[in-house]
Amino acid sequence: MSKKWWGILALMLFVGLEARAEPVRLRLAGLEGTLADNTRVYLNQLPAIEAEQLPRFRRDIIAAVEDSLQALGYYDPEVNLVQDPDRPTEVRVEVAAGEPVRIRQLDVLLHGDAAADAQFELLLDGFALREGEVLNHETYESAKASLLSLALSRGYFDAGYRQSQVRVHPWERAADVVLSFDSGPRYRFGELKVDSDRPVERLLNPLVDLRPGEPYLASRLAELSRSLSSTRYFRQVEVLPQVGEADEQYRVPLAVVLRAKADNEVELGVGMSTDEGPRTSVSWEKPWINSLGHSFNTSLKLSAPKQDITFVYKIPRGHPLDNYYTLQGGYQRLDQDDTESDRLVASVHRWDKNAYDWTRDVFIRSEYESYTQGQQEDDSFLLIPGISYSRTRVRGGLDPHWGDAQLATLEFSEPWWGSDTRFVRFWGRSKWLRSLADDHRLIARAEQGAVWVDEVYDLPPSLRFFTGGDLTVRGFGYESITPLDANGDRLGAKYASALSLEYDYRVAPKWRLATFVDTGTATNDYSEAWKVGTGVGVRWLTPVGSIRLDLAFGVSEDDTPWRLHFTLGPEL
């Protein structure tokens, strides 16, 4: 190779080494907490700086530190850059933040209709800006935005600032803030303009609680949108204010766009639990049968021990979410442990929801059941009127941090109207979920059942009480806690009780560890000791709910049996 080519190669290597020169590392000193975090954010936005470029970028580094501290109210910092002569790529940024600037005077002036709006008074009572506090420009912008956000949510569509100013006096360590906010007039609800591909007038009337001339409130539009979506009639729901079409009285027309679901919807599902094993389901729904809002649903659920098919015909009577009738029917086949049963059911229900979100179900149910329970073979026909109350409250979506679920049912039957057996039966369940802190959660559950009947064995298995399993007393088999006959076969009982307390701790965004203790019994006289199960588990949050895997031990038993329990679904 000629000297010419050797020279070119050497030049290329030199240029490559120069291009790969190590950038300067800036080490921050003298700041802690939020001040340090914010300063690092600003410094990280600087380009890579090589050691020989430091003099040229010195002013940029100092300016980045000063800007980061000014944003948090520190206007007079001392900043020094110290370069280690032995390690020129190491630069220590020494910062003394100094005394902060505090808000000396705060003037918030309201003009327009908002001056007489109590919600603005409440906002100002808890305003983010306070005299005497350190000036924080992010807090200042957030406070400004909170006034505008409240105004828009309450129909002040012409709102804006006449003046928004922060006058900083660094040498006095003081700032004067002036916010002069003009809300303008408050707009009101106008007429409803409905764009729908189905006749919806009779359905909308009970759902729409907005009257022309009432003050505008965005939360009421959101509530209407949620209600329309919850009816399950529509695949598309839009409720939009047409502010540009407001009249001279500031009445805003409301555009409601509705698109119905398909005439037929089919859903497939799979699941798994220790009690039933793998299971699958198919449902077919006709969400919209006629202009009265009637709908129909049928579902088929299959698992190894249990197969059932149900039919539900729904008839609104006013508000389609809160007041309606259902006609229900179904067939269930059960072959599990000591129980074999074929059960036919037909029922009529009237549903109502009150102002406290309690749902009342008044029903009359007829059922025929042919069964074998242990050594007993029999059949039964019952006509059962009853009433139930239920309520579920949840905050936090699929990973709730607060909530409770309540259910209580009372039903009875009499031979004089055609039933084979006279009885009164009660079943109640209460479950509570509370968070102690961000990552700590307690779940408590209590269940109680009782049936007053001359002989519990005159009732079919579906009306007797059993307990034990994934959802009651872990550490024991599904419905294995119950009186036994001389052959060890399960009989069912007049009473059942269960209690549970569980503690969960979040170890990762979608993972929790749990420990729990369950106790319960199914009995005819409460003479037996209650069964106790305890153990540990893991929870994995998925888009379809929580997957729960528990290892439980039956500590009340001499041989301390253990079982794995696997369930999938919501916590409440």
Protein backbone atom coordinates (compact mmCIF):
# COMPACT_ATOMS: atom_id res chain seq x y z
CA MET A 1 0.00 0.00 0.00
CA SER A 2 1.34 3.46 -0.96
CA LYS A 3 2.13 6.18 1.56
CA LYS A 4 -0.86 8.09 0.16
CA TRP A 5 -3.32 5.38 1.22
CA TRP A 6 -1.64 4.96 4.62
CA GLY A 7 -2.15 8.67 5.22
CA ILE A 8 -5.83 8.54 4.27
CA LEU A 9 -6.39 5.55 6.57
CA ALA A 10 -4.68 7.31 9.49
CA LEU A 11 -6.79 10.41 8.91
CA MET A 12 -10.00 8.32 8.91
CA LEU A 13 -9.02 6.62 12.17
CA PHE A 14 -8.23 9.98 13.78
CA VAL A 15 -11.57 11.45 12.68
CA GLY A 16 -13.41 8.35 13.96
CA LEU A 17 -11.72 8.59 17.34
CA GLU A 18 -12.56 12.26 17.54
CA ALA A 19 -16.22 11.50 16.68
CA ARG A 20 -16.36 8.99 19.51
CA ALA A 21 -14.98 11.37 22.15
CA GLU A 22 -16.67 10.79 25.50
CA PRO A 23 -19.19 13.50 26.44
CA VAL A 24 -19.02 15.39 29.71
CA ARG A 25 -20.99 13.96 32.66
CA LEU A 26 -22.68 16.62 34.79
CA ARG A 27 -22.86 15.73 38.51
CA LEU A 28 -25.39 17.81 40.44
CA ALA A 29 -24.52 18.80 44.02
CA GLY A 30 -26.24 20.96 46.63
CA LEU A 31 -29.87 20.26 45.75
CA GLU A 32 -32.32 17.66 47.00
CA GLY A 33 -35.87 16.49 46.38
CA THR A 34 -38.02 18.35 43.87
CA LEU A 35 -35.36 20.99 43.24
CA ALA A 36 -32.82 18.35 42.26
CA ASP A 37 -35.30 16.38 40.15
CA ASN A 38 -36.44 19.43 38.20
CA THR A 39 -32.87 20.62 37.63
CA ARG A 40 -31.83 17.24 36.25
CA VAL A 41 -34.77 17.38 33.81
CA TYR A 42 -33.50 20.71 32.47
CA LEU A 43 -29.87 19.55 32.30
CA ASN A 44 -30.83 16.39 30.45
CA GLN A 45 -32.29 18.53 27.67
CA LEU A 46 -28.83 19.93 26.83
CA PRO A 47 -26.95 18.38 23.89
CA ALA A 48 -23.94 16.14 24.47
CA ILE A 49 -20.97 18.32 25.45
CA GLU A 50 -17.33 17.29 24.96
CA ALA A 51 -14.67 18.39 27.45
CA GLU A 52 -13.07 20.96 25.18
CA GLN A 53 -16.53 22.44 24.45
CA LEU A 54 -17.26 23.15 28.12
CA PRO A 55 -16.23 26.85 28.07
CA ARG A 56 -18.62 27.48 25.20
CA PHE A 57 -21.53 25.70 26.93
CA ARG A 58 -20.85 26.99 30.46
CA ARG A 59 -23.44 29.75 30.11
CA ASP A 60 -26.02 27.29 28.75
CA ILE A 61 -25.54 24.95 31.73
CA ILE A 62 -25.89 27.76 34.24
CA ALA A 63 -28.97 29.10 32.42
CA ALA A 64 -30.59 25.65 32.51
CA VAL A 65 -30.06 25.45 36.27
CA GLU A 66 -31.41 28.97 36.80
CA ASP A 67 -34.49 28.30 34.65
CA SER A 68 -35.24 25.07 36.49
CA LEU A 69 -35.08 26.80 39.87
CA GLN A 70 -37.04 29.87 38.78
CA ALA A 71 -39.90 27.56 37.78
CA LEU A 72 -40.06 26.52 41.45
CA GLY A 73 -39.67 30.04 42.88
CA TYR A 74 -35.89 30.29 43.43
CA TYR A 75 -34.65 33.36 41.58
CA ASP A 76 -31.21 33.94 43.12
CA PRO A 77 -29.19 30.73 43.00
CA GLU A 78 -25.41 30.46 43.00
CA VAL A 79 -24.10 28.06 40.36
CA ASN A 80 -20.50 26.93 39.96
CA LEU A 81 -19.07 24.43 37.49
CA VAL A 82 -16.06 22.50 38.78
CA GLN A 83 -14.09 20.40 36.29
CA ASP A 84 -11.74 17.74 37.62
CA PRO A 85 -8.35 18.29 35.91
CA ASP A 86 -7.53 14.58 36.19
CA ARG A 87 -10.91 13.59 34.73
CA PRO A 88 -11.95 16.33 32.31
CA THR A 89 -15.22 14.55 31.43
CA GLU A 90 -16.41 14.82 35.05
CA VAL A 91 -18.03 18.20 35.85
CA ARG A 92 -19.66 18.92 39.17
CA VAL A 93 -22.52 21.43 39.07
CA GLU A 94 -22.54 23.01 42.52
CA VAL A 95 -25.77 24.85 43.31
CA ALA A 96 -26.95 26.87 46.28
CA ALA A 97 -30.64 27.56 45.70
CA GLY A 98 -30.88 30.50 48.10
CA GLU A 99 -34.11 31.83 49.57
CA PRO A 100 -37.32 31.33 47.57
CA VAL A 101 -39.68 33.98 46.28
CA ARG A 102 -43.01 33.90 48.10
CA ILE A 103 -46.42 35.18 47.08
CA ARG A 104 -46.78 38.51 48.86
CA GLN A 105 -50.11 39.58 47.42
CA LEU A 106 -52.75 37.51 45.62
CA ASP A 107 -55.70 39.18 43.92
CA VAL A 108 -58.29 36.92 42.27
CA LEU A 109 -61.14 38.92 40.78
CA LEU A 110 -64.31 37.32 39.39
CA HIS A 111 -66.49 39.10 36.85
CA GLY A 112 -69.64 37.97 35.10
CA ASP A 113 -72.24 35.44 36.28
CA ALA A 114 -69.57 33.34 38.01
CA ALA A 115 -69.25 36.02 40.69
CA ALA A 116 -72.56 34.74 42.12
CA ASP A 117 -71.85 31.02 41.55
CA ALA A 118 -71.23 29.14 44.79
CA GLN A 119 -69.02 26.57 43.04
CA PHE A 120 -66.47 29.27 42.24
CA GLU A 121 -66.47 30.31 45.89
CA LEU A 122 -65.69 26.72 46.84
CA LEU A 123 -62.88 26.59 44.29
CA LEU A 124 -61.32 29.79 45.62
CA ASP A 125 -61.62 28.55 49.20
CA GLY A 126 -59.30 25.69 48.26
CA PHE A 127 -57.33 27.60 45.62
CA ALA A 128 -53.88 26.23 44.80
CA LEU A 129 -52.28 29.69 45.20
CA ARG A 130 -51.94 31.15 48.69
CA GLU A 131 -50.29 34.25 50.07
CA GLY A 132 -47.09 33.36 51.91
CA GLU A 133 -46.42 30.21 49.90
CA VAL A 134 -43.44 29.71 47.61
CA LEU A 135 -44.13 30.83 44.05
CA ASN A 136 -44.39 27.77 41.81
CA HIS A 137 -45.07 28.56 38.17
CA GLU A 138 -46.55 25.12 37.47
CA THR A 139 -48.97 25.61 40.36
CA TYR A 140 -49.79 29.06 38.99
CA GLU A 141 -50.65 27.66 35.56
CA SER A 142 -52.65 24.85 37.15
CA ALA A 143 -54.63 27.36 39.22
CA LYS A 144 -55.41 29.40 36.13
CA ALA A 145 -56.53 26.27 34.29
CA SER A 146 -58.78 25.21 37.18
CA LEU A 147 -60.85 28.38 36.83
CA LEU A 148 -61.25 27.86 33.09
CA SER A 149 -62.06 24.17 33.52
CA LEU A 150 -64.76 24.88 36.10
CA ALA A 151 -66.19 27.61 33.90
CA LEU A 152 -66.47 25.37 30.84
CA SER A 153 -68.00 22.52 32.86
CA ARG A 154 -70.70 24.90 34.14
CA GLY A 155 -71.58 26.54 30.84
CA TYR A 156 -69.51 29.74 30.87
CA PHE A 157 -68.42 29.32 27.28
CA ASP A 158 -67.24 32.93 26.85
CA ALA A 159 -64.95 32.81 29.88
CA GLY A 160 -61.43 34.20 29.77
CA TYR A 161 -58.88 36.30 31.63
CA ARG A 162 -58.94 40.06 31.53
CA GLN A 163 -55.55 39.97 33.23
CA SER A 164 -53.23 37.22 34.43
CA GLN A 165 -49.92 38.47 35.71
CA VAL A 166 -47.10 37.50 38.05
CA ARG A 167 -44.86 40.39 39.08
CA VAL A 168 -41.68 39.00 40.61
CA HIS A 169 -39.41 41.13 42.81
CA PRO A 170 -36.34 38.90 43.23
CA TRP A 171 -34.43 41.19 45.58
CA GLU A 172 -37.46 41.42 47.86
CA ARG A 173 -38.06 37.66 47.65
CA ALA A 174 -41.67 38.54 46.80
CA ALA A 175 -44.20 38.09 44.00
CA ASP A 176 -47.55 39.78 43.38
CA VAL A 177 -50.15 37.73 41.48
CA VAL A 178 -53.19 39.20 39.74
CA LEU A 179 -55.89 37.04 38.15
CA SER A 180 -58.86 38.92 36.75
CA PHE A 181 -61.31 36.35 35.41
CA ASP A 182 -64.40 37.22 33.39
CA SER A 183 -66.80 34.30 33.05
CA GLY A 184 -69.34 36.08 30.90
CA PRO A 185 -72.93 34.78 30.98
CA ARG A 186 -73.83 31.24 31.97
CA TYR A 187 -75.38 29.29 29.10
CA ARG A 188 -78.42 27.08 29.53
CA PHE A 189 -79.73 23.87 28.06
CA GLY A 190 -81.65 24.27 24.84
CA GLU A 191 -83.71 21.84 22.81
CA LEU A 192 -82.67 18.25 22.24
CA LYS A 193 -81.83 17.31 18.64
CA VAL A 194 -81.89 13.54 18.24
CA ASP A 195 -80.22 11.79 15.31
CA SER A 196 -81.06 8.08 15.54
CA ASP A 197 -81.45 5.19 13.15
CA ARG A 198 -84.27 3.76 15.31
CA PRO A 199 -87.42 5.29 16.86
CA VAL A 200 -86.23 6.19 20.36
CA GLU A 201 -88.66 8.81 21.67
CA ARG A 202 -90.37 6.51 24.19
CA LEU A 203 -87.02 5.28 25.48
CA LEU A 204 -85.43 8.71 25.71
CA ASN A 205 -88.17 10.45 27.66
CA PRO A 206 -87.50 8.63 30.98
CA LEU A 207 -83.72 8.91 30.52
CA VAL A 208 -83.54 12.61 29.66
CA ASP A 209 -83.63 14.74 32.79
CA LEU A 210 -82.59 17.94 31.02
CA ARG A 211 -85.13 20.71 30.64
CA PRO A 212 -84.70 23.70 28.29
CA GLY A 213 -83.73 26.76 30.27
CA GLU A 214 -81.92 24.91 33.06
CA PRO A 215 -78.31 26.03 33.72
CA TYR A 216 -75.77 24.10 31.67
CA LEU A 217 -73.79 21.45 33.53
CA ALA A 218 -71.38 19.13 31.71
CA SER A 219 -71.76 16.37 34.31
CA ARG A 220 -75.43 16.02 33.43
CA LEU A 221 -74.53 15.45 29.78
CA ALA A 222 -72.01 12.82 30.86
CA GLU A 223 -74.67 11.16 33.01
CA LEU A 224 -77.09 11.05 30.08
CA SER A 225 -74.38 9.57 27.85
CA ARG A 226 -73.58 6.87 30.43
CA SER A 227 -77.26 6.02 30.85
CA LEU A 228 -77.80 5.68 27.11
CA SER A 229 -74.73 3.45 26.80
CA SER A 230 -75.81 1.30 29.75
CA THR A 231 -79.14 0.44 28.12
CA ARG A 232 -77.21 -1.85 25.75
CA TYR A 233 -79.38 -0.68 22.86
CA PHE A 234 -76.70 1.38 21.14
CA ARG A 235 -73.26 0.81 19.69
CA GLN A 236 -72.63 4.56 19.37
CA VAL A 237 -73.71 7.30 21.77
CA GLU A 238 -72.75 10.96 21.47
CA VAL A 239 -74.19 13.83 23.49
CA LEU A 240 -72.70 17.14 22.35
CA PRO A 241 -73.49 20.79 23.12
CA GLN A 242 -73.87 22.93 20.00
CA VAL A 243 -72.44 26.13 21.50
CA GLY A 244 -72.15 27.84 18.13
CA GLU A 245 -75.91 27.55 17.66
CA ALA A 246 -76.89 29.15 20.99
CA ASP A 247 -79.74 31.67 20.78
CA GLU A 248 -79.97 35.17 22.24
CA GLN A 249 -81.02 33.74 25.62
CA TYR A 250 -77.78 31.70 25.67
CA ARG A 251 -79.65 28.40 25.27
CA VAL A 252 -77.43 25.72 23.78
CA PRO A 253 -79.01 23.00 21.58
CA LEU A 254 -77.93 19.47 22.49
CA ALA A 255 -77.13 17.01 19.72
CA VAL A 256 -77.78 13.36 20.63
CA VAL A 257 -76.41 10.89 18.08
CA LEU A 258 -77.52 7.27 18.54
CA ARG A 259 -76.70 4.23 16.44
CA ALA A 260 -78.38 0.96 17.36
CA LYS A 261 -76.53 -2.27 17.89
CA ALA A 262 -76.83 -5.07 15.38
CA ASP A 263 -80.10 -7.01 15.44
CA ASN A 264 -78.29 -10.07 16.72
CA GLU A 265 -75.14 -10.31 18.82
CA VAL A 266 -73.31 -13.51 19.71
CA GLU A 267 -70.57 -13.75 22.34
CA LEU A 268 -68.29 -16.65 23.19
CA GLY A 269 -66.56 -17.01 26.54
CA VAL A 270 -64.20 -19.34 28.34
CA GLY A 271 -63.29 -19.55 32.00
CA MET A 272 -61.75 -21.66 34.70
CA SER A 273 -62.27 -22.26 38.40
CA THR A 274 -61.24 -24.97 40.80
CA ASP A 275 -64.87 -25.57 41.78
CA GLU A 276 -66.10 -26.31 38.25
CA GLY A 277 -62.95 -26.76 36.18
CA PRO A 278 -62.84 -25.42 32.61
CA ARG A 279 -66.05 -23.87 31.34
CA THR A 280 -67.33 -22.24 28.21
CA SER A 281 -70.31 -20.09 27.39
CA VAL A 282 -72.26 -18.86 24.38
CA SER A 283 -74.76 -16.02 24.52
CA TRP A 284 -77.13 -14.69 21.89
CA GLU A 285 -78.77 -11.31 22.35
CA LYS A 286 -81.37 -9.34 20.45
CA PRO A 287 -80.83 -5.94 22.07
CA TRP A 288 -83.68 -4.24 20.23
CA ILE A 289 -86.87 -6.08 19.38
CA ASN A 290 -89.32 -3.18 19.01
CA SER A 291 -89.80 0.55 19.61
CA LEU A 292 -90.87 -0.19 23.20
CA GLY A 293 -87.33 -1.29 24.00
CA HIS A 294 -88.01 -4.98 24.51
CA SER A 295 -84.92 -7.18 24.35
CA PHE A 296 -84.09 -10.87 24.52
CA ASN A 297 -81.06 -12.80 25.69
CA THR A 298 -80.22 -16.47 25.93
CA SER A 299 -77.03 -18.03 27.23
CA LEU A 300 -75.60 -21.53 27.33
CA LYS A 301 -72.94 -22.37 29.94
CA LEU A 302 -71.08 -25.65 29.93
CA SER A 303 -68.67 -27.23 32.39
CA ALA A 304 -68.00 -30.83 33.37
CA PRO A 305 -70.31 -30.87 36.42
CA LYS A 306 -72.86 -28.28 35.33
CA GLN A 307 -74.70 -27.40 32.13
CA ASP A 308 -77.42 -24.78 31.95
CA ILE A 309 -79.33 -22.70 29.45
CA THR A 310 -81.28 -19.56 30.38
CA PHE A 311 -83.68 -17.25 28.56
CA VAL A 312 -84.45 -13.64 29.56
CA TYR A 313 -87.04 -11.36 27.96
CA LYS A 314 -86.84 -7.76 29.21
CA ILE A 315 -89.71 -5.24 29.11
CA PRO A 316 -88.98 -1.65 30.23
CA ARG A 317 -91.72 0.08 32.18
CA GLY A 318 -90.50 3.66 32.12
CA HIS A 319 -86.81 4.08 32.86
CA PRO A 320 -85.13 1.17 31.00
CA LEU A 321 -82.28 0.94 33.53
CA ASP A 322 -84.18 1.39 36.78
CA ASN A 323 -87.67 0.02 36.15
CA TYR A 324 -88.45 -3.05 34.09
CA TYR A 325 -89.90 -6.55 34.00
CA THR A 326 -88.14 -9.74 33.00
CA LEU A 327 -89.58 -13.08 31.98
CA GLN A 328 -87.02 -15.80 32.65
CA GLY A 329 -86.73 -19.50 32.05
CA GLY A 330 -84.08 -22.15 32.00
CA TYR A 331 -82.86 -25.68 32.45
CA GLN A 332 -79.90 -26.84 34.55
CA ARG A 333 -78.21 -30.22 34.69
CA LEU A 334 -75.87 -30.83 37.66
CA ASP A 335 -73.74 -33.91 38.36
CA GLN A 336 -71.19 -33.10 41.04
CA ASP A 337 -69.96 -35.23 43.93
CA ASP A 338 -73.08 -36.57 45.71
CA THR A 339 -75.60 -34.46 43.79
CA GLU A 340 -77.41 -35.26 40.55
CA SER A 341 -80.14 -32.87 39.52
CA ASP A 342 -82.28 -31.84 36.58
CA ARG A 343 -84.01 -28.51 37.19
CA LEU A 344 -86.54 -26.56 35.13
CA VAL A 345 -87.29 -22.95 36.13
CA ALA A 346 -89.68 -20.22 34.93
CA SER A 347 -90.08 -16.86 36.65
CA VAL A 348 -91.45 -13.33 36.40
CA HIS A 349 -89.51 -10.41 37.92
CA ARG A 350 -90.21 -6.76 38.56
CA TRP A 351 -87.05 -4.67 39.01
CA ASP A 352 -86.76 -1.21 40.57
CA LYS A 353 -83.76 0.92 41.57
CA ASN A 354 -84.12 3.62 44.20
CA ALA A 355 -82.22 6.87 44.74
CA TYR A 356 -79.61 5.09 46.88
CA ASP A 357 -78.78 2.59 44.09
CA TRP A 358 -80.48 -0.33 45.80
CA THR A 359 -82.10 -2.66 43.28
CA ARG A 360 -85.29 -4.44 44.36
CA ASP A 361 -86.39 -7.62 42.62
CA VAL A 362 -89.93 -8.81 43.36
CA PHE A 363 -90.45 -12.22 41.76
CA ILE A 364 -92.48 -15.37 41.54
CA ARG A 365 -90.68 -18.50 40.42
CA SER A 366 -91.87 -21.98 39.56
CA GLU A 367 -89.41 -24.83 39.47
CA TYR A 368 -89.44 -28.56 39.01
CA GLU A 369 -86.40 -30.51 40.15
CA SER A 370 -85.69 -34.22 39.84
CA TYR A 371 -82.68 -35.15 41.94
CA THR A 372 -80.51 -37.65 43.72
CA GLN A 373 -78.77 -36.35 46.83
CA GLY A 374 -76.60 -39.03 48.38
CA GLN A 375 -78.94 -41.99 48.82
CA GLN A 376 -82.12 -39.90 48.45
CA GLU A 377 -83.99 -39.91 45.13
CA ASP A 378 -86.96 -37.59 44.75
CA ASP A 379 -88.56 -34.83 42.75
CA SER A 380 -90.13 -31.54 43.75
CA PHE A 381 -92.45 -28.88 42.37
CA LEU A 382 -92.44 -25.45 44.02
CA LEU A 383 -94.12 -22.11 43.37
CA ILE A 384 -91.96 -19.52 45.13
CA PRO A 385 -92.69 -15.80 45.52
CA GLY A 386 -89.95 -13.65 46.96
CA ILE A 387 -88.06 -10.39 47.11
CA SER A 388 -84.39 -9.46 46.97
CA TYR A 389 -82.36 -6.30 47.47
CA SER A 390 -78.90 -5.77 46.04
CA ARG A 391 -76.36 -3.02 45.59
CA THR A 392 -72.80 -2.89 44.27
CA ARG A 393 -70.56 0.16 44.56
CA VAL A 394 -67.04 0.21 43.11
CA ARG A 395 -64.33 2.83 42.73
CA GLY A 396 -61.20 2.09 40.75
CA GLY A 397 -62.45 0.02 37.82
CA LEU A 398 -60.98 -3.46 37.39
CA ASP A 399 -58.51 -2.89 40.25
CA PRO A 400 -60.82 -1.30 42.82
CA HIS A 401 -59.54 0.60 45.83
CA TRP A 402 -62.98 0.99 47.43
CA GLY A 403 -66.29 -0.78 47.16
CA ASP A 404 -68.92 -3.05 48.61
CA ALA A 405 -71.52 -5.54 47.38
CA GLN A 406 -74.70 -6.42 49.24
CA LEU A 407 -77.36 -9.04 48.51
CA ALA A 408 -80.34 -10.22 50.57
CA THR A 409 -83.11 -12.56 49.36
CA LEU A 410 -86.24 -13.73 51.14
CA GLU A 411 -88.52 -16.34 49.54
CA PHE A 412 -91.22 -18.71 50.70
CA SER A 413 -93.62 -21.38 49.54
CA GLU A 414 -96.93 -22.94 50.67
CA PRO A 415 -98.70 -26.21 49.78
CA TRP A 416 -102.05 -24.47 49.47
CA TRP A 417 -100.99 -22.81 46.21
CA GLY A 418 -99.62 -26.04 44.76
CA SER A 419 -96.11 -26.40 46.17
CA ASP A 420 -94.90 -29.70 47.55
CA THR A 421 -93.28 -28.12 50.63
CA ARG A 422 -93.86 -25.22 53.01
CA PHE A 423 -90.73 -23.19 53.79
CA VAL A 424 -89.27 -19.72 54.33
CA ARG A 425 -85.73 -19.18 53.09
CA PHE A 426 -83.26 -16.31 53.58
CA TRP A 427 -79.89 -15.75 51.98
CA GLY A 428 -77.63 -12.74 52.56
CA ARG A 429 -74.12 -11.78 51.52
CA SER A 430 -72.04 -8.70 52.30
CA LYS A 431 -68.59 -7.97 50.92
CA TRP A 432 -66.44 -4.92 51.63
CA LEU A 433 -63.21 -3.70 50.05
CA ARG A 434 -61.17 -0.87 51.52
CA SER A 435 -57.65 0.47 50.91
CA LEU A 436 -55.48 1.35 53.89
CA ALA A 437 -52.89 3.13 51.72
CA ASP A 438 -51.86 3.14 48.07
CA ASP A 439 -50.68 -0.49 48.06
CA HIS A 440 -52.57 -2.06 50.98
CA ARG A 441 -56.08 -3.47 50.67
CA LEU A 442 -58.50 -5.33 52.95
CA ILE A 443 -61.41 -7.48 51.72
CA ALA A 444 -63.99 -8.70 54.23
CA ARG A 445 -66.94 -10.98 53.51
CA ALA A 446 -69.88 -12.34 55.51
CA GLU A 447 -72.57 -14.79 54.38
CA GLN A 448 -75.63 -16.15 56.14
CA GLY A 449 -78.33 -18.52 54.97
CA ALA A 450 -81.28 -20.08 56.75
CA VAL A 451 -84.34 -22.06 55.75
CA TRP A 452 -87.26 -22.72 58.06
CA VAL A 453 -88.81 -26.04 57.06
CA ASP A 454 -90.09 -29.12 58.89
CA GLU A 455 -87.55 -31.40 57.22
CA VAL A 456 -84.67 -30.03 55.18
CA TYR A 457 -84.70 -33.26 53.16
CA ASP A 458 -88.12 -32.28 51.77
CA LEU A 459 -86.32 -29.53 49.84
CA PRO A 460 -84.43 -30.12 46.59
CA PRO A 461 -80.61 -29.71 46.75
CA SER A 462 -80.76 -26.28 45.11
CA LEU A 463 -82.54 -24.89 48.20
CA ARG A 464 -80.44 -26.60 50.86
CA PHE A 465 -77.21 -25.09 52.12
CA PHE A 466 -73.66 -26.21 51.43
CA THR A 467 -70.42 -24.26 51.78
CA GLY A 468 -66.71 -24.60 51.06
CA GLY A 469 -64.70 -23.88 47.92
CA ASP A 470 -63.20 -21.01 45.94
CA LEU A 471 -65.70 -18.35 46.99
CA THR A 472 -66.60 -19.38 50.55
CA VAL A 473 -64.16 -21.36 52.71
CA ARG A 474 -60.87 -21.98 50.94
CA GLY A 475 -58.88 -25.05 51.92
CA PHE A 476 -61.99 -27.23 51.50
CA GLY A 477 -63.65 -28.74 48.46
CA TYR A 478 -66.60 -27.18 46.66
CA GLU A 479 -69.72 -27.46 48.88
CA SER A 480 -67.97 -30.13 50.95
CA ILE A 481 -68.90 -28.54 54.28
CA THR A 482 -72.35 -29.96 55.10
CA PRO A 483 -73.89 -32.72 57.22
CA LEU A 484 -73.15 -36.27 56.01
CA ASP A 485 -75.23 -39.43 56.12
CA ALA A 486 -74.05 -42.80 57.42
CA ASN A 487 -72.38 -43.51 54.08
CA GLY A 488 -70.47 -40.23 54.10
CA ASP A 489 -72.67 -38.67 51.41
CA ARG A 490 -73.44 -34.97 51.57
CA LEU A 491 -76.98 -34.06 52.57
CA GLY A 492 -77.29 -30.28 52.68
CA ALA A 493 -78.33 -28.22 55.69
CA LYS A 494 -80.84 -25.73 57.10
CA TYR A 495 -78.23 -23.09 57.87
CA ALA A 496 -74.96 -21.83 56.42
CA SER A 497 -72.54 -19.19 57.68
CA ALA A 498 -69.20 -17.99 56.34
CA LEU A 499 -66.73 -15.23 57.20
CA SER A 500 -63.56 -14.16 55.41
CA LEU A 501 -60.81 -11.57 55.85
CA GLU A 502 -58.14 -11.01 53.20
CA TYR A 503 -55.16 -8.66 53.03
CA ASP A 504 -53.61 -7.77 49.66
CA TYR A 505 -50.33 -5.96 49.02
CA ARG A 506 -49.36 -4.57 45.63
CA VAL A 507 -45.84 -5.66 44.64
CA ALA A 508 -46.00 -4.43 41.02
CA PRO A 509 -48.48 -2.38 38.96
CA LYS A 510 -50.49 -5.48 37.99
CA TRP A 511 -49.52 -7.92 40.74
CA ARG A 512 -50.61 -8.37 44.35
CA LEU A 513 -49.76 -10.85 47.06
CA ALA A 514 -52.49 -11.92 49.46
CA THR A 515 -53.00 -13.70 52.75
CA PHE A 516 -56.39 -14.72 54.10
CA VAL A 517 -58.40 -16.62 56.65
CA ASP A 518 -61.86 -18.11 55.96
CA THR A 519 -64.25 -19.82 58.32
CA GLY A 520 -67.71 -21.28 57.91
CA THR A 521 -70.19 -24.06 58.44
CA ALA A 522 -73.34 -25.61 56.99
CA THR A 523 -75.38 -27.16 59.76
CA ASN A 524 -78.81 -28.07 61.08
CA ASP A 525 -78.21 -26.91 64.66
CA TYR A 526 -74.79 -25.19 64.92
CA SER A 527 -73.52 -27.95 67.18
CA GLU A 528 -70.44 -28.59 65.01
CA ALA A 529 -67.21 -26.60 65.12
CA TRP A 530 -66.71 -24.20 62.24
CA LYS A 531 -64.21 -25.11 59.55
CA VAL A 532 -61.21 -22.78 59.17
CA GLY A 533 -59.01 -22.32 56.12
CA THR A 534 -56.03 -20.02 55.73
CA GLY A 535 -53.34 -19.46 53.16
CA VAL A 536 -51.58 -17.19 50.71
CA GLY A 537 -52.26 -16.18 47.14
CA VAL A 538 -51.26 -14.10 44.16
CA ARG A 539 -53.42 -11.71 42.13
CA TRP A 540 -52.79 -10.70 38.52
CA LEU A 541 -54.78 -7.85 37.04
CA THR A 542 -55.89 -8.46 33.44
CA PRO A 543 -58.25 -6.60 31.06
CA VAL A 544 -61.04 -9.06 31.99
CA GLY A 545 -60.58 -8.86 35.73
CA SER A 546 -58.38 -10.29 38.44
CA ILE A 547 -56.89 -13.77 38.11
CA ARG A 548 -56.57 -15.23 41.61
CA LEU A 549 -54.49 -18.26 42.61
CA ASP A 550 -54.60 -19.30 46.27
CA LEU A 551 -52.87 -22.02 48.26
CA ALA A 552 -55.13 -22.76 51.23
CA PHE A 553 -54.87 -25.10 54.21
CA GLY A 554 -57.77 -26.53 56.21
CA VAL A 555 -56.18 -25.79 59.59
CA SER A 556 -59.24 -26.88 61.56
CA GLU A 557 -58.74 -30.50 60.44
CA ASP A 558 -56.36 -32.95 62.10
CA ASP A 559 -54.66 -33.87 58.82
CA THR A 560 -54.58 -30.21 57.61
CA PRO A 561 -55.63 -30.75 53.98
CA TRP A 562 -54.48 -28.26 51.36
CA ARG A 563 -55.98 -27.15 48.08
CA LEU A 564 -55.21 -24.82 45.20
CA HIS A 565 -58.01 -22.40 44.31
CA PHE A 566 -58.11 -20.64 40.95
CA THR A 567 -60.70 -18.01 40.03
CA LEU A 568 -61.13 -15.27 37.44
CA GLY A 569 -63.38 -12.23 37.62
CA PRO A 570 -64.09 -8.96 39.41
CA GLU A 571 -63.29 -8.50 43.10
CA LEU A 572 -66.89 -7.50 43.93
